[in-house]
């Protein structure tokens, strides 16, 4: 009978440990879900920024026909730098 009581006690302890582990995992899951939602929101904002910048780039390309080739090249270089920076941010968010 003593062995049976000991077995039952061991099973109860293991069950309690499993319940504690489950609670920890539930909290971690909730934290990760919140983090994922924040990342999705940030990604959406960055995608909107990229779309806006692409529209501005298109408008600038159309509106810069009166500029010298040097000015056009400088402006395009700046805009491409901005786009590369945004692409890096998007890549970081997607990892």
PDB file of N, CA and C in Angstrom:
ATOM      1  N   UNK A   1       0.821  -1.200   0.000  1.00  0.00           N
ATOM      2  CA  UNK A   1       0.000   0.000   0.000  1.00  0.00           C
ATOM      3  C   UNK A   1       0.860   1.259   0.000  1.00  0.00           C
ATOM      4  N   UNK A   2       1.990   1.175   0.667  1.00  0.00           N
ATOM      5  CA  UNK A   2       2.896   2.316   0.729  1.00  0.00           C
ATOM      6  C   UNK A   2       3.445   2.651  -0.653  1.00  0.00           C
ATOM      7  N   UNK A   3       3.754   1.622  -1.434  1.00  0.00           N
ATOM      8  CA  UNK A   3       4.236   1.839  -2.798  1.00  0.00           C
ATOM      9  C   UNK A   3       3.174   2.524  -3.650  1.00  0.00           C
ATOM     10  N   UNK A   4       1.955   2.130  -3.481  1.00  0.00           N
ATOM     11  CA  UNK A   4       0.859   2.727  -4.241  1.00  0.00           C
ATOM     12  C   UNK A   4       0.698   4.202  -3.878  1.00  0.00           C
ATOM     13  N   UNK A   5       0.765   4.526  -2.603  1.00  0.00           N
ATOM     14  CA  UNK A   5       0.672   5.925  -2.168  1.00  0.00           C
ATOM     15  C   UNK A   5       1.829   6.744  -2.734  1.00  0.00           C
ATOM     16  N   UNK A   6       3.002   6.158  -2.730  1.00  0.00           N
ATOM     17  CA  UNK A   6       4.179   6.841  -3.271  1.00  0.00           C
ATOM     18  C   UNK A   6       4.026   7.071  -4.769  1.00  0.00           C
ATOM     19  N   UNK A   7       3.513   6.088  -5.459  1.00  0.00           N
ATOM     20  CA  UNK A   7       3.263   6.215  -6.894  1.00  0.00           C
ATOM     21  C   UNK A   7       2.254   7.329  -7.176  1.00  0.00           C
ATOM     22  N   UNK A   8       1.195   7.347  -6.423  1.00  0.00           N
ATOM     23  CA  UNK A   8       0.159   8.376  -6.591  1.00  0.00           C
ATOM     24  C   UNK A   8       0.744   9.757  -6.323  1.00  0.00           C
ATOM     25  N   UNK A   9       1.546   9.880  -5.298  1.00  0.00           N
ATOM     26  CA  UNK A   9       2.166  11.167  -4.968  1.00  0.00           C
ATOM     27  C   UNK A   9       3.095  11.614  -6.093  1.00  0.00           C
ATOM     28  N   UNK A  10       3.871  10.708  -6.645  1.00  0.00           N
ATOM     29  CA  UNK A  10       4.757  11.043  -7.764  1.00  0.00           C
ATOM     30  C   UNK A  10       3.963  11.506  -8.980  1.00  0.00           C
ATOM     31  N   UNK A  11       2.882  10.817  -9.255  1.00  0.00           N
ATOM     32  CA  UNK A  11       2.033  11.199 -10.388  1.00  0.00           C
ATOM     33  C   UNK A  11       1.430  12.578 -10.155  1.00  0.00           C
ATOM     34  N   UNK A  12       0.990  12.860  -8.937  1.00  0.00           N
ATOM     35  CA  UNK A  12       0.421  14.172  -8.619  1.00  0.00           C
ATOM     36  C   UNK A  12       1.466  15.273  -8.780  1.00  0.00           C
ATOM     37  N   UNK A  13       2.687  15.024  -8.343  1.00  0.00           N
ATOM     38  CA  UNK A  13       3.754  16.016  -8.477  1.00  0.00           C
ATOM     39  C   UNK A  13       4.067  16.286  -9.948  1.00  0.00           C
ATOM     40  N   UNK A  14       4.111  15.215 -10.723  1.00  0.00           N
ATOM     41  CA  UNK A  14       4.368  15.380 -12.155  1.00  0.00           C
ATOM     42  C   UNK A  14       3.237  16.140 -12.824  1.00  0.00           C
ATOM     43  N   UNK A  15       2.020  15.863 -12.414  1.00  0.00           N
ATOM     44  CA  UNK A  15       0.869  16.567 -12.964  1.00  0.00           C
ATOM     45  C   UNK A  15       0.929  18.052 -12.619  1.00  0.00           C
ATOM     46  N   UNK A  16       1.281  18.362 -11.384  1.00  0.00           N
ATOM     47  CA  UNK A  16       1.410  19.767 -10.976  1.00  0.00           C
ATOM     48  C   UNK A  16       2.498  20.468 -11.797  1.00  0.00           C
ATOM     49  N   UNK A  17       3.607  19.779 -12.022  1.00  0.00           N
ATOM     50  CA  UNK A  17       4.683  20.366 -12.823  1.00  0.00           C
ATOM     51  C   UNK A  17       4.221  20.597 -14.263  1.00  0.00           C
ATOM     52  N   UNK A  18       3.485  19.660 -14.801  1.00  0.00           N
ATOM     53  CA  UNK A  18       2.943  19.830 -16.152  1.00  0.00           C
ATOM     54  C   UNK A  18       1.995  21.023 -16.228  1.00  0.00           C
ATOM     55  N   UNK A  19       1.182  21.198 -15.211  1.00  0.00           N
ATOM     56  CA  UNK A  19       0.262  22.341 -15.184  1.00  0.00           C
ATOM     57  C   UNK A  19       1.023  23.662 -15.111  1.00  0.00           C
ATOM     58  N   UNK A  20       2.081  23.687 -14.305  1.00  0.00           N
ATOM     59  CA  UNK A  20       2.906  24.905 -14.229  1.00  0.00           C
ATOM     60  C   UNK A  20       3.569  25.190 -15.580  1.00  0.00           C
ATOM     61  N   UNK A  21       4.081  24.148 -16.200  1.00  0.00           N
ATOM     62  CA  UNK A  21       4.705  24.318 -17.515  1.00  0.00           C
ATOM     63  C   UNK A  21       3.696  24.820 -18.541  1.00  0.00           C
ATOM     64  N   UNK A  22       2.491  24.291 -18.474  1.00  0.00           N
ATOM     65  CA  UNK A  22       1.449  24.714 -19.405  1.00  0.00           C
ATOM     66  C   UNK A  22       1.112  26.189 -19.212  1.00  0.00           C
ATOM     67  N   UNK A  23       1.048  26.646 -17.974  1.00  0.00           N
ATOM     68  CA  UNK A  23       0.762  28.056 -17.701  1.00  0.00           C
ATOM     69  C   UNK A  23       1.865  28.952 -18.253  1.00  0.00           C
ATOM     70  N   UNK A  24       3.098  28.531 -18.084  1.00  0.00           N
ATOM     71  CA  UNK A  24       4.224  29.303 -18.619  1.00  0.00           C
ATOM     72  C   UNK A  24       4.130  29.378 -20.138  1.00  0.00           C
ATOM     73  N   UNK A  25       3.813  28.265 -20.769  1.00  0.00           N
ATOM     74  CA  UNK A  25       3.710  28.235 -22.228  1.00  0.00           C
ATOM     75  C   UNK A  25       2.545  29.083 -22.734  1.00  0.00           C
ATOM     76  N   UNK A  26       1.447  29.092 -22.016  1.00  0.00           N
ATOM     77  CA  UNK A  26       0.303  29.920 -22.409  1.00  0.00           C
ATOM     78  C   UNK A  26       0.689  31.398 -22.354  1.00  0.00           C
ATOM     79  N   UNK A  27       1.372  31.801 -21.290  1.00  0.00           N
ATOM     80  CA  UNK A  27       1.800  33.202 -21.176  1.00  0.00           C
ATOM     81  C   UNK A  27       2.786  33.566 -22.282  1.00  0.00           C
ATOM     82  N   UNK A  28       3.716  32.672 -22.568  1.00  0.00           N
ATOM     83  CA  UNK A  28       4.693  32.917 -23.633  1.00  0.00           C
ATOM     84  C   UNK A  28       3.993  33.020 -24.983  1.00  0.00           C
ATOM     85  N   UNK A  29       3.012  32.174 -25.210  1.00  0.00           N
ATOM     86  CA  UNK A  29       2.251  32.222 -26.452  1.00  0.00           C
ATOM     87  C   UNK A  29       1.510  33.554 -26.586  1.00  0.00           C
ATOM     88  N   UNK A  30       0.905  34.017 -25.513  1.00  0.00           N
ATOM     89  CA  UNK A  30       0.196  35.298 -25.546  1.00  0.00           C
ATOM     90  C   UNK A  30       1.160  36.437 -25.859  1.00  0.00           C
ATOM     91  N   UNK A  31       2.341  36.395 -25.252  1.00  0.00           N
ATOM     92  CA  UNK A  31       3.344  37.431 -25.509  1.00  0.00           C
ATOM     93  C   UNK A  31       3.768  37.405 -26.977  1.00  0.00           C
ATOM     94  N   UNK A  32       3.980  36.211 -27.512  1.00  0.00           N
ATOM     95  CA  UNK A  32       4.406  36.094 -28.901  1.00  0.00           C
ATOM     96  C   UNK A  32       3.311  36.537 -29.870  1.00  0.00           C
ATOM     97  N   UNK A  33       2.067  36.264 -29.536  1.00  0.00           N
ATOM     98  CA  UNK A  33       0.955  36.711 -30.384  1.00  0.00           C
ATOM     99  C   UNK A  33       0.913  38.236 -30.422  1.00  0.00           C
ATOM    100  N   UNK A  34       1.083  38.872 -29.269  1.00  0.00           N
ATOM    101  CA  UNK A  34       1.098  40.338 -29.225  1.00  0.00           C
ATOM    102  C   UNK A  34       2.271  40.893 -30.027  1.00  0.00           C
ATOM    103  N   UNK A  35       3.430  40.273 -29.880  1.00  0.00           N
ATOM    104  CA  UNK A  35       4.614  40.715 -30.615  1.00  0.00           C
ATOM    105  C   UNK A  35       4.405  40.566 -32.119  1.00  0.00           C
ATOM    106  N   UNK A  36       3.780  39.473 -32.527  1.00  0.00           N
ATOM    107  CA  UNK A  36       3.493  39.252 -33.939  1.00  0.00           C
ATOM    108  C   UNK A  36       2.539  40.316 -34.472  1.00  0.00           C
ATOM    109  N   UNK A  37       1.524  40.649 -33.710  1.00  0.00           N
ATOM    110  CA  UNK A  37       0.575  41.680 -34.136  1.00  0.00           C
ATOM    111  C   UNK A  37       1.269  43.033 -34.301  1.00  0.00           C
ATOM    112  N   UNK A  38       2.152  43.362 -33.363  1.00  0.00           N
ATOM    113  CA  UNK A  38       2.901  44.615 -33.479  1.00  0.00           C
ATOM    114  C   UNK A  38       3.771  44.607 -34.728  1.00  0.00           C
ATOM    115  N   UNK A  39       4.415  43.483 -34.994  1.00  0.00           N
ATOM    116  CA  UNK A  39       5.273  43.377 -36.171  1.00  0.00           C
ATOM    117  C   UNK A  39       4.456  43.486 -37.456  1.00  0.00           C
ATOM    118  N   UNK A  40       3.287  42.866 -37.460  1.00  0.00           N
ATOM    119  CA  UNK A  40       2.421  42.966 -38.634  1.00  0.00           C
ATOM    120  C   UNK A  40       1.995  44.411 -38.870  1.00  0.00           C
ATOM    121  N   UNK A  41       1.663  45.106 -37.792  1.00  0.00           N
ATOM    122  CA  UNK A  41       1.248  46.502 -37.917  1.00  0.00           C
ATOM    123  C   UNK A  41       2.403  47.353 -38.434  1.00  0.00           C
ATOM    124  N   UNK A  42       3.594  47.128 -37.903  1.00  0.00           N
ATOM    125  CA  UNK A  42       4.767  47.871 -38.346  1.00  0.00           C
ATOM    126  C   UNK A  42       5.063  47.580 -39.808  1.00  0.00           C
ATOM    127  N   UNK A  43       4.943  46.333 -40.210  1.00  0.00           N
ATOM    128  CA  UNK A  43       5.160  45.961 -41.603  1.00  0.00           C
ATOM    129  C   UNK A  43       4.156  46.664 -42.503  1.00  0.00           C
ATOM    130  N   UNK A  44       2.907  46.708 -42.091  1.00  0.00           N
ATOM    131  CA  UNK A  44       1.878  47.386 -42.870  1.00  0.00           C
ATOM    132  C   UNK A  44       2.208  48.864 -43.029  1.00  0.00           C
ATOM    133  N   UNK A  45       2.644  49.495 -41.943  1.00  0.00           N
ATOM    134  CA  UNK A  45       3.015  50.907 -42.007  1.00  0.00           C
ATOM    135  C   UNK A  45       4.191  51.119 -42.958  1.00  0.00           C
ATOM    136  N   UNK A  46       5.181  50.226 -42.890  1.00  0.00           N
ATOM    137  CA  UNK A  46       6.351  50.352 -43.770  1.00  0.00           C
ATOM    138  C   UNK A  46       5.955  50.142 -45.226  1.00  0.00           C
ATOM    139  N   UNK A  47       5.058  49.200 -45.477  1.00  0.00           N
ATOM    140  CA  UNK A  47       4.605  48.972 -46.847  1.00  0.00           C
ATOM    141  C   UNK A  47       3.863  50.196 -47.377  1.00  0.00           C
ATOM    142  N   UNK A  48       3.075  50.832 -46.525  1.00  0.00           N
ATOM    143  CA  UNK A  48       2.378  52.052 -46.933  1.00  0.00           C
ATOM    144  C   UNK A  48       3.380  53.159 -47.227  1.00  0.00           C
ATOM    145  N   UNK A  49       4.429  53.243 -46.414  1.00  0.00           N
ATOM    146  CA  UNK A  49       5.468  54.246 -46.633  1.00  0.00           C
ATOM    147  C   UNK A  49       6.177  53.994 -47.958  1.00  0.00           C
ATOM    148  N   UNK A  50       6.474  52.731 -48.242  1.00  0.00           N
ATOM    149  CA  UNK A  50       7.131  52.389 -49.504  1.00  0.00           C
ATOM    150  C   UNK A  50       6.242  52.778 -50.680  1.00  0.00           C
ATOM    151  N   UNK A  51       4.965  52.474 -50.591  1.00  0.00           N
ATOM    152  CA  UNK A  51       4.041  52.817 -51.675  1.00  0.00           C
ATOM    153  C   UNK A  51       3.988  54.329 -51.878  1.00  0.00           C
ATOM    154  N   UNK A  52       3.941  55.063 -50.772  1.00  0.00           N
ATOM    155  CA  UNK A  52       3.905  56.521 -50.868  1.00  0.00           C
ATOM    156  C   UNK A  52       5.198  57.051 -51.495  1.00  0.00           C
ATOM    157  N   UNK A  53       6.334  56.512 -51.074  1.00  0.00           N
ATOM    158  CA  UNK A  53       7.615  56.963 -51.618  1.00  0.00           C
ATOM    159  C   UNK A  53       7.748  56.614 -53.097  1.00  0.00           C
ATOM    160  N   UNK A  54       7.222  55.474 -53.474  1.00  0.00           N
ATOM    161  CA  UNK A  54       7.259  55.112 -54.899  1.00  0.00           C
ATOM    162  C   UNK A  54       6.404  56.083 -55.721  1.00  0.00           C
ATOM    163  N   UNK A  55       5.264  56.483 -55.176  1.00  0.00           N
ATOM    164  CA  UNK A  55       4.431  57.469 -55.863  1.00  0.00           C
ATOM    165  C   UNK A  55       5.165  58.799 -55.970  1.00  0.00           C
ATOM    166  N   UNK A  56       5.820  59.188 -54.886  1.00  0.00           N
ATOM    167  CA  UNK A  56       6.583  60.432 -54.912  1.00  0.00           C
ATOM    168  C   UNK A  56       7.720  60.347 -55.922  1.00  0.00           C
ATOM    169  N   UNK A  57       8.363  59.192 -55.985  1.00  0.00           N
ATOM    170  CA  UNK A  57       9.444  59.001 -56.948  1.00  0.00           C
ATOM    171  C   UNK A  57       8.922  59.143 -58.368  1.00  0.00           C
ATOM    172  N   UNK A  58       7.784  58.521 -58.636  1.00  0.00           N
ATOM    173  CA  UNK A  58       7.186  58.644 -59.966  1.00  0.00           C
ATOM    174  C   UNK A  58       6.858  60.098 -60.279  1.00  0.00           C
ATOM    175  N   UNK A  59       6.301  60.802 -59.310  1.00  0.00           N
ATOM    176  CA  UNK A  59       5.967  62.215 -59.514  1.00  0.00           C
ATOM    177  C   UNK A  59       7.230  63.037 -59.734  1.00  0.00           C
ATOM    178  N   UNK A  60       8.267  62.725 -58.989  1.00  0.00           N
ATOM    179  CA  UNK A  60       9.525  63.453 -59.155  1.00  0.00           C
ATOM    180  C   UNK A  60      10.165  63.170 -60.505  1.00  0.00           C
ATOM    181  N   UNK A  61      10.071  61.944 -60.954  1.00  0.00           N
ATOM    182  CA  UNK A  61      10.634  61.619 -62.265  1.00  0.00           C
ATOM    183  C   UNK A  61       9.937  62.411 -63.357  1.00  0.00           C
ATOM    184  N   UNK A  62       8.640  62.545 -63.214  1.00  0.00           N
ATOM    185  CA  UNK A  62       7.878  63.318 -64.198  1.00  0.00           C
ATOM    186  C   UNK A  62       8.194  64.803 -64.063  1.00  0.00           C
ATOM    187  N   UNK A  63       8.293  65.272 -62.824  1.00  0.00           N
ATOM    188  CA  UNK A  63       8.485  66.703 -62.583  1.00  0.00           C
ATOM    189  C   UNK A  63       9.914  67.186 -62.720  1.00  0.00           C
ATOM    190  N   UNK A  64      10.857  66.310 -62.905  1.00  0.00           N
ATOM    191  CA  UNK A  64      12.259  66.738 -62.954  1.00  0.00           C
ATOM    192  C   UNK A  64      12.795  66.821 -64.370  1.00  0.00           C
ATOM    193  N   UNK A  65      11.944  66.866 -65.339  1.00  0.00           N
ATOM    194  CA  UNK A  65      12.415  66.920 -66.721  1.00  0.00           C
ATOM    195  C   UNK A  65      13.145  68.217 -67.021  1.00  0.00           C
ATOM    196  N   UNK A  66      12.886  69.263 -66.252  1.00  0.00           N
ATOM    197  CA  UNK A  66      13.535  70.547 -66.494  1.00  0.00           C
ATOM    198  C   UNK A  66      14.870  70.659 -65.756  1.00  0.00           C
ATOM    199  N   UNK A  67      15.226  69.691 -64.952  1.00  0.00           N
ATOM    200  CA  UNK A  67      16.471  69.752 -64.199  1.00  0.00           C
ATOM    201  C   UNK A  67      17.636  69.268 -65.055  1.00  0.00           C
ATOM    202  N   UNK A  68      18.824  69.670 -64.605  1.00  0.00           N
ATOM    203  CA  UNK A  68      20.032  69.223 -65.299  1.00  0.00           C
ATOM    204  C   UNK A  68      20.254  67.739 -65.017  1.00  0.00           C
ATOM    205  N   UNK A  69      21.007  67.068 -65.850  1.00  0.00           N
ATOM    206  CA  UNK A  69      21.285  65.638 -65.611  1.00  0.00           C
ATOM    207  C   UNK A  69      21.973  65.382 -64.271  1.00  0.00           C
ATOM    208  N   UNK A  70      22.830  66.294 -63.836  1.00  0.00           N
ATOM    209  CA  UNK A  70      23.510  66.125 -62.553  1.00  0.00           C
ATOM    210  C   UNK A  70      22.515  66.187 -61.397  1.00  0.00           C
ATOM    211  N   UNK A  71      21.585  67.140 -61.485  1.00  0.00           N
ATOM    212  CA  UNK A  71      20.571  67.269 -60.439  1.00  0.00           C
ATOM    213  C   UNK A  71      19.662  66.039 -60.411  1.00  0.00           C
ATOM    214  N   UNK A  72      19.310  65.554 -61.577  1.00  0.00           N
ATOM    215  CA  UNK A  72      18.476  64.359 -61.655  1.00  0.00           C
ATOM    216  C   UNK A  72      19.189  63.161 -61.030  1.00  0.00           C
ATOM    217  N   UNK A  73      20.467  63.007 -61.347  1.00  0.00           N
ATOM    218  CA  UNK A  73      21.232  61.875 -60.825  1.00  0.00           C
ATOM    219  C   UNK A  73      21.345  61.953 -59.306  1.00  0.00           C
ATOM    220  N   UNK A  74      21.587  63.145 -58.784  1.00  0.00           N
ATOM    221  CA  UNK A  74      21.700  63.325 -57.341  1.00  0.00           C
ATOM    222  C   UNK A  74      20.373  63.011 -56.652  1.00  0.00           C
ATOM    223  N   UNK A  75      19.296  63.515 -57.209  1.00  0.00           N
ATOM    224  CA  UNK A  75      17.978  63.261 -56.640  1.00  0.00           C
ATOM    225  C   UNK A  75      17.633  61.767 -56.687  1.00  0.00           C
ATOM    226  N   UNK A  76      17.920  61.149 -57.803  1.00  0.00           N
ATOM    227  CA  UNK A  76      17.636  59.718 -57.926  1.00  0.00           C
ATOM    228  C   UNK A  76      18.475  58.907 -56.940  1.00  0.00           C
ATOM    229  N   UNK A  77      19.707  59.316 -56.735  1.00  0.00           N
ATOM    230  CA  UNK A  77      20.580  58.625 -55.782  1.00  0.00           C
ATOM    231  C   UNK A  77      20.009  58.728 -54.366  1.00  0.00           C
ATOM    232  N   UNK A  78      19.539  59.920 -53.991  1.00  0.00           N
ATOM    233  CA  UNK A  78      18.940  60.100 -52.663  1.00  0.00           C
ATOM    234  C   UNK A  78      17.698  59.237 -52.497  1.00  0.00           C
ATOM    235  N   UNK A  79      16.852  59.251 -53.492  1.00  0.00           N
ATOM    236  CA  UNK A  79      15.614  58.478 -53.417  1.00  0.00           C
ATOM    237  C   UNK A  79      15.921  56.985 -53.355  1.00  0.00           C
ATOM    238  N   UNK A  80      16.862  56.529 -54.154  1.00  0.00           N
ATOM    239  CA  UNK A  80      17.247  55.111 -54.117  1.00  0.00           C
ATOM    240  C   UNK A  80      17.808  54.736 -52.754  1.00  0.00           C
ATOM    241  N   UNK A  81      18.528  55.653 -52.128  1.00  0.00           N
ATOM    242  CA  UNK A  81      19.032  55.408 -50.774  1.00  0.00           C
ATOM    243  C   UNK A  81      17.894  55.227 -49.786  1.00  0.00           C
ATOM    244  N   UNK A  82      16.873  56.076 -49.914  1.00  0.00           N
ATOM    245  CA  UNK A  82      15.708  55.940 -49.039  1.00  0.00           C
ATOM    246  C   UNK A  82      15.016  54.594 -49.260  1.00  0.00           C
ATOM    247  N   UNK A  83      14.862  54.224 -50.514  1.00  0.00           N
ATOM    248  CA  UNK A  83      14.193  52.957 -50.826  1.00  0.00           C
ATOM    249  C   UNK A  83      14.988  51.760 -50.301  1.00  0.00           C
ATOM    250  N   UNK A  84      16.311  51.810 -50.403  1.00  0.00           N
ATOM    251  CA  UNK A  84      17.140  50.723 -49.874  1.00  0.00           C
ATOM    252  C   UNK A  84      16.978  50.618 -48.362  1.00  0.00           C
ATOM    253  N   UNK A  85      16.941  51.768 -47.694  1.00  0.00           N
ATOM    254  CA  UNK A  85      16.772  51.768 -46.243  1.00  0.00           C
ATOM    255  C   UNK A  85      15.424  51.158 -45.851  1.00  0.00           C
ATOM    256  N   UNK A  86      14.397  51.502 -46.576  1.00  0.00           N
ATOM    257  CA  UNK A  86      13.067  50.950 -46.305  1.00  0.00           C
ATOM    258  C   UNK A  86      13.051  49.452 -46.590  1.00  0.00           C
ATOM    259  N   UNK A  87      13.684  49.032 -47.675  1.00  0.00           N
ATOM    260  CA  UNK A  87      13.748  47.601 -47.987  1.00  0.00           C
ATOM    261  C   UNK A  87      14.474  46.825 -46.894  1.00  0.00           C
ATOM    262  N   UNK A  88      15.525  47.406 -46.313  1.00  0.00           N
ATOM    263  CA  UNK A  88      16.236  46.760 -45.206  1.00  0.00           C
ATOM    264  C   UNK A  88      15.303  46.599 -44.008  1.00  0.00           C
ATOM    265  N   UNK A  89      14.537  47.642 -43.720  1.00  0.00           N
ATOM    266  CA  UNK A  89      13.585  47.571 -42.604  1.00  0.00           C
ATOM    267  C   UNK A  89      12.552  46.470 -42.850  1.00  0.00           C
ATOM    268  N   UNK A  90      12.058  46.395 -44.064  1.00  0.00           N
ATOM    269  CA  UNK A  90      11.076  45.361 -44.396  1.00  0.00           C
ATOM    270  C   UNK A  90      11.688  43.969 -44.277  1.00  0.00           C
ATOM    271  N   UNK A  91      12.925  43.831 -44.703  1.00  0.00           N
ATOM    272  CA  UNK A  91      13.595  42.528 -44.603  1.00  0.00           C
ATOM    273  C   UNK A  91      13.756  42.122 -43.142  1.00  0.00           C
ATOM    274  N   UNK A  92      14.091  43.083 -42.287  1.00  0.00           N
ATOM    275  CA  UNK A  92      14.227  42.784 -40.863  1.00  0.00           C
ATOM    276  C   UNK A  92      12.893  42.360 -40.264  1.00  0.00           C
ATOM    277  N   UNK A  93      11.837  42.998 -40.694  1.00  0.00           N
ATOM    278  CA  UNK A  93      10.514  42.653 -40.173  1.00  0.00           C
ATOM    279  C   UNK A  93      10.060  41.276 -40.644  1.00  0.00           C
ATOM    280  N   UNK A  94      10.486  40.882 -41.824  1.00  0.00           N
ATOM    281  CA  UNK A  94      10.059  39.598 -42.379  1.00  0.00           C
ATOM    282  C   UNK A  94      10.842  38.424 -41.817  1.00  0.00           C
ATOM    283  N   UNK A  95      11.927  38.693 -41.091  1.00  0.00           N
ATOM    284  CA  UNK A  95      12.713  37.579 -40.534  1.00  0.00           C
ATOM    285  C   UNK A  95      12.179  37.153 -39.201  1.00  0.00           C
TER     286      UNK A  95
END
